[in-house]
Amino acid sequence: MYKSRQGLSGLRATGAELARMYALALLAEAYGTREQVKEGLAVLAAALAIADETEERYYEVELYRLKGTFTFQQENQKPKVKSQKLPIPNL
């Protein structure tokens, strides 16, 4: 992931904001394939903040799709708590 982040830094240095959201989405997707959902969600949060800041909306739908996918994965990674039946008191 280091090279991906290094590439993003280089992209940003050129002033290419438009491609930045796309590149961040690709980075988030790479985190997702490595089951690093928390990191992927952090990258998506940054990309969505950029979308708000720059008012560039062309890739926003894909960012939200990935966010939904990662949120779903995150919920499924949580250990399931077994519900216990409580005794019914005799009234």
PDB file of N, CA and C in Angstrom:
ATOM      1  N   MET A   1       0.808  -1.185   0.000  1.00  0.00           N
ATOM      2  CA  MET A   1       0.000   0.000   0.000  1.00  0.00           C
ATOM      3  C   MET A   1       0.859   1.261   0.000  1.00  0.00           C
ATOM      4  N   TYR A   2       2.129   1.130   0.439  1.00  0.00           N
ATOM      5  CA  TYR A   2       3.003   2.297   0.498  1.00  0.00           C
ATOM      6  C   TYR A   2       3.167   2.930  -0.878  1.00  0.00           C
ATOM      7  N   LYS A   3       3.377   2.097  -1.907  1.00  0.00           N
ATOM      8  CA  LYS A   3       3.565   2.635  -3.256  1.00  0.00           C
ATOM      9  C   LYS A   3       2.302   3.331  -3.744  1.00  0.00           C
ATOM     10  N   SER A   4       1.143   2.810  -3.371  1.00  0.00           N
ATOM     11  CA  SER A   4      -0.114   3.451  -3.758  1.00  0.00           C
ATOM     12  C   SER A   4      -0.217   4.836  -3.138  1.00  0.00           C
ATOM     13  N   ARG A   5       0.122   4.929  -1.870  1.00  0.00           N
ATOM     14  CA  ARG A   5       0.069   6.230  -1.196  1.00  0.00           C
ATOM     15  C   ARG A   5       1.117   7.179  -1.771  1.00  0.00           C
ATOM     16  N   GLN A   6       2.274   6.636  -2.119  1.00  0.00           N
ATOM     17  CA  GLN A   6       3.326   7.457  -2.718  1.00  0.00           C
ATOM     18  C   GLN A   6       2.858   7.994  -4.073  1.00  0.00           C
ATOM     19  N   GLY A   7       2.191   7.153  -4.847  1.00  0.00           N
ATOM     20  CA  GLY A   7       1.659   7.584  -6.137  1.00  0.00           C
ATOM     21  C   GLY A   7       0.602   8.664  -5.985  1.00  0.00           C
ATOM     22  N   LEU A   8      -0.229   8.538  -4.952  1.00  0.00           N
ATOM     23  CA  LEU A   8      -1.247   9.556  -4.695  1.00  0.00           C
ATOM     24  C   LEU A   8      -0.615  10.891  -4.326  1.00  0.00           C
ATOM     25  N   SER A   9       0.483  10.836  -3.576  1.00  0.00           N
ATOM     26  CA  SER A   9       1.185  12.070  -3.224  1.00  0.00           C
ATOM     27  C   SER A   9       1.729  12.746  -4.477  1.00  0.00           C
ATOM     28  N   GLY A  10       2.267  11.941  -5.390  1.00  0.00           N
ATOM     29  CA  GLY A  10       2.766  12.487  -6.646  1.00  0.00           C
ATOM     30  C   GLY A  10       1.657  13.079  -7.491  1.00  0.00           C
ATOM     31  N   LEU A  11       0.526  12.411  -7.519  1.00  0.00           N
ATOM     32  CA  LEU A  11      -0.629  12.903  -8.270  1.00  0.00           C
ATOM     33  C   LEU A  11      -1.101  14.238  -7.705  1.00  0.00           C
ATOM     34  N   ARG A  12      -1.136  14.318  -6.401  1.00  0.00           N
ATOM     35  CA  ARG A  12      -1.582  15.557  -5.755  1.00  0.00           C
ATOM     36  C   ARG A  12      -0.618  16.706  -6.032  1.00  0.00           C
ATOM     37  N   ALA A  13       0.669  16.392  -6.106  1.00  0.00           N
ATOM     38  CA  ALA A  13       1.679  17.417  -6.367  1.00  0.00           C
ATOM     39  C   ALA A  13       1.493  18.059  -7.744  1.00  0.00           C
ATOM     40  N   THR A  14       0.878  17.328  -8.672  1.00  0.00           N
ATOM     41  CA  THR A  14       0.646  17.879 -10.009  1.00  0.00           C
ATOM     42  C   THR A  14      -0.574  18.781 -10.042  1.00  0.00           C
ATOM     43  N   GLY A  15      -1.371  18.762  -8.974  1.00  0.00           N
ATOM     44  CA  GLY A  15      -2.576  19.574  -8.933  1.00  0.00           C
ATOM     45  C   GLY A  15      -3.773  18.888  -9.572  1.00  0.00           C
ATOM     46  N   ALA A  16      -3.656  17.607  -9.862  1.00  0.00           N
ATOM     47  CA  ALA A  16      -4.728  16.853 -10.513  1.00  0.00           C
ATOM     48  C   ALA A  16      -5.752  16.411  -9.472  1.00  0.00           C
ATOM     49  N   GLU A  17      -6.691  17.279  -9.167  1.00  0.00           N
ATOM     50  CA  GLU A  17      -7.715  16.970  -8.176  1.00  0.00           C
ATOM     51  C   GLU A  17      -8.776  16.024  -8.732  1.00  0.00           C
ATOM     52  N   LEU A  18      -9.103  16.159 -10.008  1.00  0.00           N
ATOM     53  CA  LEU A  18     -10.176  15.375 -10.590  1.00  0.00           C
ATOM     54  C   LEU A  18      -9.876  13.878 -10.526  1.00  0.00           C
ATOM     55  N   ALA A  19      -8.668  13.501 -10.866  1.00  0.00           N
ATOM     56  CA  ALA A  19      -8.298  12.084 -10.857  1.00  0.00           C
ATOM     57  C   ALA A  19      -8.047  11.576  -9.449  1.00  0.00           C
ATOM     58  N   ARG A  20      -7.917  12.474  -8.505  1.00  0.00           N
ATOM     59  CA  ARG A  20      -7.592  12.086  -7.142  1.00  0.00           C
ATOM     60  C   ARG A  20      -8.687  11.239  -6.498  1.00  0.00           C
ATOM     61  N   MET A  21      -9.945  11.601  -6.706  1.00  0.00           N
ATOM     62  CA  MET A  21     -11.034  10.809  -6.121  1.00  0.00           C
ATOM     63  C   MET A  21     -11.055   9.399  -6.703  1.00  0.00           C
ATOM     64  N   TYR A  22     -10.808   9.307  -7.992  1.00  0.00           N
ATOM     65  CA  TYR A  22     -10.757   7.994  -8.645  1.00  0.00           C
ATOM     66  C   TYR A  22      -9.620   7.163  -8.053  1.00  0.00           C
ATOM     67  N   ALA A  23      -8.451   7.790  -7.904  1.00  0.00           N
ATOM     68  CA  ALA A  23      -7.299   7.084  -7.354  1.00  0.00           C
ATOM     69  C   ALA A  23      -7.556   6.653  -5.917  1.00  0.00           C
ATOM     70  N   LEU A  24      -8.208   7.506  -5.134  1.00  0.00           N
ATOM     71  CA  LEU A  24      -8.541   7.144  -3.754  1.00  0.00           C
ATOM     72  C   LEU A  24      -9.541   5.994  -3.716  1.00  0.00           C
ATOM     73  N   ALA A  25     -10.473   5.983  -4.644  1.00  0.00           N
ATOM     74  CA  ALA A  25     -11.429   4.872  -4.717  1.00  0.00           C
ATOM     75  C   ALA A  25     -10.695   3.565  -5.025  1.00  0.00           C
ATOM     76  N   LEU A  26      -9.721   3.623  -5.917  1.00  0.00           N
ATOM     77  CA  LEU A  26      -8.931   2.424  -6.235  1.00  0.00           C
ATOM     78  C   LEU A  26      -8.138   1.961  -5.016  1.00  0.00           C
ATOM     79  N   LEU A  27      -7.565   2.917  -4.287  1.00  0.00           N
ATOM     80  CA  LEU A  27      -6.826   2.564  -3.074  1.00  0.00           C
ATOM     81  C   LEU A  27      -7.755   1.922  -2.044  1.00  0.00           C
ATOM     82  N   ALA A  28      -8.932   2.495  -1.860  1.00  0.00           N
ATOM     83  CA  ALA A  28      -9.901   1.927  -0.914  1.00  0.00           C
ATOM     84  C   ALA A  28     -10.293   0.518  -1.336  1.00  0.00           C
ATOM     85  N   GLU A  29     -10.488   0.334  -2.631  1.00  0.00           N
ATOM     86  CA  GLU A  29     -10.845  -0.991  -3.140  1.00  0.00           C
ATOM     87  C   GLU A  29      -9.726  -2.000  -2.872  1.00  0.00           C
ATOM     88  N   ALA A  30      -8.480  -1.549  -3.001  1.00  0.00           N
ATOM     89  CA  ALA A  30      -7.340  -2.423  -2.714  1.00  0.00           C
ATOM     90  C   ALA A  30      -7.336  -2.827  -1.243  1.00  0.00           C
ATOM     91  N   TYR A  31      -7.635  -1.878  -0.357  1.00  0.00           N
ATOM     92  CA  TYR A  31      -7.751  -2.222   1.058  1.00  0.00           C
ATOM     93  C   TYR A  31      -8.865  -3.252   1.262  1.00  0.00           C
ATOM     94  N   GLY A  32      -9.965  -3.075   0.558  1.00  0.00           N
ATOM     95  CA  GLY A  32     -11.085  -4.004   0.690  1.00  0.00           C
ATOM     96  C   GLY A  32     -10.727  -5.414   0.273  1.00  0.00           C
ATOM     97  N   THR A  33      -9.950  -5.556  -0.790  1.00  0.00           N
ATOM     98  CA  THR A  33      -9.567  -6.900  -1.236  1.00  0.00           C
ATOM     99  C   THR A  33      -8.611  -7.563  -0.255  1.00  0.00           C
ATOM    100  N   ARG A  34      -7.944  -6.748   0.552  1.00  0.00           N
ATOM    101  CA  ARG A  34      -7.037  -7.291   1.578  1.00  0.00           C
ATOM    102  C   ARG A  34      -7.743  -7.409   2.931  1.00  0.00           C
ATOM    103  N   GLU A  35      -9.062  -7.207   2.916  1.00  0.00           N
ATOM    104  CA  GLU A  35      -9.900  -7.288   4.113  1.00  0.00           C
ATOM    105  C   GLU A  35      -9.457  -6.297   5.190  1.00  0.00           C
ATOM    106  N   GLN A  36      -8.975  -5.125   4.747  1.00  0.00           N
ATOM    107  CA  GLN A  36      -8.619  -4.041   5.659  1.00  0.00           C
ATOM    108  C   GLN A  36      -9.701  -2.973   5.526  1.00  0.00           C
ATOM    109  N   VAL A  37     -10.874  -3.346   5.992  1.00  0.00           N
ATOM    110  CA  VAL A  37     -12.075  -2.537   5.822  1.00  0.00           C
ATOM    111  C   VAL A  37     -11.951  -1.189   6.527  1.00  0.00           C
ATOM    112  N   LYS A  38     -11.402  -1.178   7.722  1.00  0.00           N
ATOM    113  CA  LYS A  38     -11.275   0.059   8.480  1.00  0.00           C
ATOM    114  C   LYS A  38     -10.432   1.079   7.705  1.00  0.00           C
ATOM    115  N   GLU A  39      -9.328   0.627   7.124  1.00  0.00           N
ATOM    116  CA  GLU A  39      -8.463   1.508   6.352  1.00  0.00           C
ATOM    117  C   GLU A  39      -9.166   1.987   5.090  1.00  0.00           C
ATOM    118  N   GLY A  40      -9.900   1.074   4.451  1.00  0.00           N
ATOM    119  CA  GLY A  40     -10.651   1.438   3.247  1.00  0.00           C
ATOM    120  C   GLY A  40     -11.695   2.494   3.534  1.00  0.00           C
ATOM    121  N   LEU A  41     -12.390   2.363   4.662  1.00  0.00           N
ATOM    122  CA  LEU A  41     -13.393   3.358   5.044  1.00  0.00           C
ATOM    123  C   LEU A  41     -12.753   4.712   5.338  1.00  0.00           C
ATOM    124  N   ALA A  42     -11.543   4.700   5.904  1.00  0.00           N
ATOM    125  CA  ALA A  42     -10.847   5.961   6.178  1.00  0.00           C
ATOM    126  C   ALA A  42     -10.482   6.664   4.871  1.00  0.00           C
ATOM    127  N   VAL A  43     -10.035   5.905   3.894  1.00  0.00           N
ATOM    128  CA  VAL A  43      -9.694   6.477   2.586  1.00  0.00           C
ATOM    129  C   VAL A  43     -10.950   7.037   1.924  1.00  0.00           C
ATOM    130  N   LEU A  44     -12.052   6.309   2.023  1.00  0.00           N
ATOM    131  CA  LEU A  44     -13.305   6.779   1.431  1.00  0.00           C
ATOM    132  C   LEU A  44     -13.799   8.048   2.115  1.00  0.00           C
ATOM    133  N   ALA A  45     -13.624   8.141   3.409  1.00  0.00           N
ATOM    134  CA  ALA A  45     -14.019   9.361   4.121  1.00  0.00           C
ATOM    135  C   ALA A  45     -13.215  10.550   3.607  1.00  0.00           C
ATOM    136  N   ALA A  46     -11.927  10.334   3.364  1.00  0.00           N
ATOM    137  CA  ALA A  46     -11.088  11.404   2.821  1.00  0.00           C
ATOM    138  C   ALA A  46     -11.543  11.787   1.415  1.00  0.00           C
ATOM    139  N   ALA A  47     -11.864  10.789   0.603  1.00  0.00           N
ATOM    140  CA  ALA A  47     -12.307  11.055  -0.771  1.00  0.00           C
ATOM    141  C   ALA A  47     -13.634  11.812  -0.781  1.00  0.00           C
ATOM    142  N   LEU A  48     -14.543  11.446   0.111  1.00  0.00           N
ATOM    143  CA  LEU A  48     -15.825  12.139   0.183  1.00  0.00           C
ATOM    144  C   LEU A  48     -15.655  13.572   0.684  1.00  0.00           C
ATOM    145  N   ALA A  49     -14.690  13.787   1.567  1.00  0.00           N
ATOM    146  CA  ALA A  49     -14.397  15.146   2.032  1.00  0.00           C
ATOM    147  C   ALA A  49     -13.855  15.993   0.882  1.00  0.00           C
ATOM    148  N   ILE A  50     -13.044  15.390   0.041  1.00  0.00           N
ATOM    149  CA  ILE A  50     -12.517  16.090  -1.139  1.00  0.00           C
ATOM    150  C   ILE A  50     -13.660  16.447  -2.080  1.00  0.00           C
ATOM    151  N   ALA A  51     -14.595  15.517  -2.246  1.00  0.00           N
ATOM    152  CA  ALA A  51     -15.748  15.779  -3.116  1.00  0.00           C
ATOM    153  C   ALA A  51     -16.543  16.981  -2.603  1.00  0.00           C
ATOM    154  N   ASP A  52     -16.714  17.057  -1.300  1.00  0.00           N
ATOM    155  CA  ASP A  52     -17.431  18.200  -0.723  1.00  0.00           C
ATOM    156  C   ASP A  52     -16.635  19.495  -0.880  1.00  0.00           C
ATOM    157  N   GLU A  53     -15.343  19.399  -0.664  1.00  0.00           N
ATOM    158  CA  GLU A  53     -14.486  20.584  -0.731  1.00  0.00           C
ATOM    159  C   GLU A  53     -14.384  21.148  -2.152  1.00  0.00           C
ATOM    160  N   THR A  54     -14.210  20.245  -3.121  1.00  0.00           N
ATOM    161  CA  THR A  54     -14.002  20.682  -4.505  1.00  0.00           C
ATOM    162  C   THR A  54     -15.294  20.778  -5.302  1.00  0.00           C
ATOM    163  N   GLU A  55     -16.381  20.243  -4.730  1.00  0.00           N
ATOM    164  CA  GLU A  55     -17.683  20.171  -5.395  1.00  0.00           C
ATOM    165  C   GLU A  55     -17.624  19.359  -6.696  1.00  0.00           C
ATOM    166  N   GLU A  56     -16.662  18.442  -6.762  1.00  0.00           N
ATOM    167  CA  GLU A  56     -16.577  17.502  -7.890  1.00  0.00           C
ATOM    168  C   GLU A  56     -17.409  16.284  -7.518  1.00  0.00           C
ATOM    169  N   ARG A  57     -18.450  16.026  -8.260  1.00  0.00           N
ATOM    170  CA  ARG A  57     -19.387  14.956  -7.907  1.00  0.00           C
ATOM    171  C   ARG A  57     -19.368  13.775  -8.874  1.00  0.00           C
ATOM    172  N   TYR A  58     -18.470  13.813  -9.859  1.00  0.00           N
ATOM    173  CA  TYR A  58     -18.526  12.805 -10.919  1.00  0.00           C
ATOM    174  C   TYR A  58     -18.297  11.386 -10.410  1.00  0.00           C
ATOM    175  N   TYR A  59     -17.563  11.203  -9.325  1.00  0.00           N
ATOM    176  CA  TYR A  59     -17.263   9.854  -8.848  1.00  0.00           C
ATOM    177  C   TYR A  59     -17.880   9.572  -7.479  1.00  0.00           C
ATOM    178  N   GLU A  60     -18.705  10.474  -7.023  1.00  0.00           N
ATOM    179  CA  GLU A  60     -19.269  10.368  -5.686  1.00  0.00           C
ATOM    180  C   GLU A  60     -20.143   9.124  -5.501  1.00  0.00           C
ATOM    181  N   VAL A  61     -20.892   8.775  -6.505  1.00  0.00           N
ATOM    182  CA  VAL A  61     -21.769   7.600  -6.400  1.00  0.00           C
ATOM    183  C   VAL A  61     -20.948   6.341  -6.142  1.00  0.00           C
ATOM    184  N   GLU A  62     -19.841   6.196  -6.828  1.00  0.00           N
ATOM    185  CA  GLU A  62     -18.984   5.029  -6.638  1.00  0.00           C
ATOM    186  C   GLU A  62     -18.366   5.027  -5.244  1.00  0.00           C
ATOM    187  N   LEU A  63     -18.016   6.188  -4.741  1.00  0.00           N
ATOM    188  CA  LEU A  63     -17.465   6.273  -3.386  1.00  0.00           C
ATOM    189  C   LEU A  63     -18.493   5.805  -2.363  1.00  0.00           C
ATOM    190  N   TYR A  64     -19.742   6.203  -2.540  1.00  0.00           N
ATOM    191  CA  TYR A  64     -20.799   5.765  -1.614  1.00  0.00           C
ATOM    192  C   TYR A  64     -21.109   4.279  -1.783  1.00  0.00           C
ATOM    193  N   ARG A  65     -20.996   3.768  -2.993  1.00  0.00           N
ATOM    194  CA  ARG A  65     -21.206   2.329  -3.207  1.00  0.00           C
ATOM    195  C   ARG A  65     -20.151   1.539  -2.442  1.00  0.00           C
ATOM    196  N   LEU A  66     -18.899   1.968  -2.571  1.00  0.00           N
ATOM    197  CA  LEU A  66     -17.820   1.293  -1.853  1.00  0.00           C
ATOM    198  C   LEU A  66     -18.004   1.424  -0.342  1.00  0.00           C
ATOM    199  N   LYS A  67     -18.417   2.583   0.107  1.00  0.00           N
ATOM    200  CA  LYS A  67     -18.649   2.785   1.541  1.00  0.00           C
ATOM    201  C   LYS A  67     -19.717   1.821   2.050  1.00  0.00           C
ATOM    202  N   GLY A  68     -20.784   1.653   1.290  1.00  0.00           N
ATOM    203  CA  GLY A  68     -21.832   0.714   1.674  1.00  0.00           C
ATOM    204  C   GLY A  68     -21.326  -0.719   1.708  1.00  0.00           C
ATOM    205  N   THR A  69     -20.533  -1.084   0.716  1.00  0.00           N
ATOM    206  CA  THR A  69     -19.962  -2.434   0.665  1.00  0.00           C
ATOM    207  C   THR A  69     -19.067  -2.683   1.864  1.00  0.00           C
ATOM    208  N   PHE A  70     -18.210  -1.708   2.175  1.00  0.00           N
ATOM    209  CA  PHE A  70     -17.291  -1.875   3.299  1.00  0.00           C
ATOM    210  C   PHE A  70     -18.024  -1.889   4.631  1.00  0.00           C
ATOM    211  N   THR A  71     -19.042  -1.075   4.753  1.00  0.00           N
ATOM    212  CA  THR A  71     -19.829  -1.050   5.989  1.00  0.00           C
ATOM    213  C   THR A  71     -20.509  -2.405   6.191  1.00  0.00           C
ATOM    214  N   PHE A  72     -21.024  -2.965   5.110  1.00  0.00           N
ATOM    215  CA  PHE A  72     -21.643  -4.290   5.177  1.00  0.00           C
ATOM    216  C   PHE A  72     -20.603  -5.338   5.592  1.00  0.00           C
ATOM    217  N   GLN A  73     -19.410  -5.278   4.982  1.00  0.00           N
ATOM    218  CA  GLN A  73     -18.346  -6.224   5.346  1.00  0.00           C
ATOM    219  C   GLN A  73     -17.957  -6.066   6.812  1.00  0.00           C
ATOM    220  N   GLN A  74     -17.876  -4.825   7.258  1.00  0.00           N
ATOM    221  CA  GLN A  74     -17.487  -4.554   8.638  1.00  0.00           C
ATOM    222  C   GLN A  74     -18.512  -5.141   9.613  1.00  0.00           C
ATOM    223  N   GLU A  75     -19.774  -4.990   9.298  1.00  0.00           N
ATOM    224  CA  GLU A  75     -20.827  -5.538  10.161  1.00  0.00           C
ATOM    225  C   GLU A  75     -20.764  -7.066  10.199  1.00  0.00           C
ATOM    226  N   ASN A  76     -20.413  -7.680   9.077  1.00  0.00           N
ATOM    227  CA  ASN A  76     -20.339  -9.141   9.026  1.00  0.00           C
ATOM    228  C   ASN A  76     -19.081  -9.679   9.686  1.00  0.00           C
ATOM    229  N   GLN A  77     -18.085  -8.838   9.915  1.00  0.00           N
ATOM    230  CA  GLN A  77     -16.857  -9.272  10.573  1.00  0.00           C
ATOM    231  C   GLN A  77     -16.990  -9.261  12.088  1.00  0.00           C
ATOM    232  N   LYS A  78     -17.980  -8.542  12.590  1.00  0.00           N
ATOM    233  CA  LYS A  78     -18.167  -8.475  14.039  1.00  0.00           C
ATOM    234  C   LYS A  78     -18.620  -9.833  14.553  1.00  0.00           C
ATOM    235  N   PRO A  79     -18.088 -10.240  15.695  1.00  0.00           N
ATOM    236  CA  PRO A  79     -18.550 -11.515  16.263  1.00  0.00           C
ATOM    237  C   PRO A  79     -20.016 -11.423  16.648  1.00  0.00           C
ATOM    238  N   LYS A  80     -20.727 -12.451  16.328  1.00  0.00           N
ATOM    239  CA  LYS A  80     -22.159 -12.493  16.630  1.00  0.00           C
ATOM    240  C   LYS A  80     -22.368 -12.860  18.092  1.00  0.00           C
ATOM    241  N   VAL A  81     -23.231 -12.116  18.729  1.00  0.00           N
ATOM    242  CA  VAL A  81     -23.561 -12.372  20.128  1.00  0.00           C
ATOM    243  C   VAL A  81     -24.828 -13.210  20.152  1.00  0.00           C
ATOM    244  N   LYS A  82     -24.736 -14.343  20.816  1.00  0.00           N
ATOM    245  CA  LYS A  82     -25.915 -15.202  20.911  1.00  0.00           C
ATOM    246  C   LYS A  82     -26.897 -14.576  21.907  1.00  0.00           C
ATOM    247  N   SER A  83     -28.121 -14.514  21.496  1.00  0.00           N
ATOM    248  CA  SER A  83     -29.131 -13.999  22.408  1.00  0.00           C
ATOM    249  C   SER A  83     -29.567 -15.135  23.336  1.00  0.00           C
ATOM    250  N   GLN A  84     -29.708 -14.789  24.579  1.00  0.00           N
ATOM    251  CA  GLN A  84     -30.129 -15.774  25.553  1.00  0.00           C
ATOM    252  C   GLN A  84     -31.586 -15.538  25.887  1.00  0.00           C
ATOM    253  N   LYS A  85     -32.327 -16.621  25.967  1.00  0.00           N
ATOM    254  CA  LYS A  85     -33.734 -16.490  26.341  1.00  0.00           C
ATOM    255  C   LYS A  85     -33.799 -16.283  27.843  1.00  0.00           C
ATOM    256  N   LEU A  86     -34.505 -15.254  28.208  1.00  0.00           N
ATOM    257  CA  LEU A  86     -34.690 -14.967  29.620  1.00  0.00           C
ATOM    258  C   LEU A  86     -35.864 -15.781  30.134  1.00  0.00           C
ATOM    259  N   PRO A  87     -35.760 -16.239  31.374  1.00  0.00           N
ATOM    260  CA  PRO A  87     -36.883 -17.006  31.922  1.00  0.00           C
ATOM    261  C   PRO A  87     -38.109 -16.116  32.093  1.00  0.00           C
ATOM    262  N   ILE A  88     -39.248 -16.660  31.840  1.00  0.00           N
ATOM    263  CA  ILE A  88     -40.493 -15.931  32.010  1.00  0.00           C
ATOM    264  C   ILE A  88     -40.951 -16.131  33.457  1.00  0.00           C
ATOM    265  N   PRO A  89     -41.081 -15.027  34.165  1.00  0.00           N
ATOM    266  CA  PRO A  89     -41.479 -15.166  35.583  1.00  0.00           C
ATOM    267  C   PRO A  89     -42.946 -15.596  35.702  1.00  0.00           C
ATOM    268  N   ASN A  90     -43.228 -16.374  36.704  1.00  0.00           N
ATOM    269  CA  ASN A  90     -44.614 -16.762  36.999  1.00  0.00           C
ATOM    270  C   ASN A  90     -45.283 -15.611  37.738  1.00  0.00           C
ATOM    271  N   LEU A  91     -46.307 -15.075  37.161  1.00  0.00           N
ATOM    272  CA  LEU A  91     -46.990 -13.952  37.808  1.00  0.00           C
ATOM    273  C   LEU A  91     -48.238 -14.399  38.490  1.00  0.00           C
TER     274      LEU A  91
END
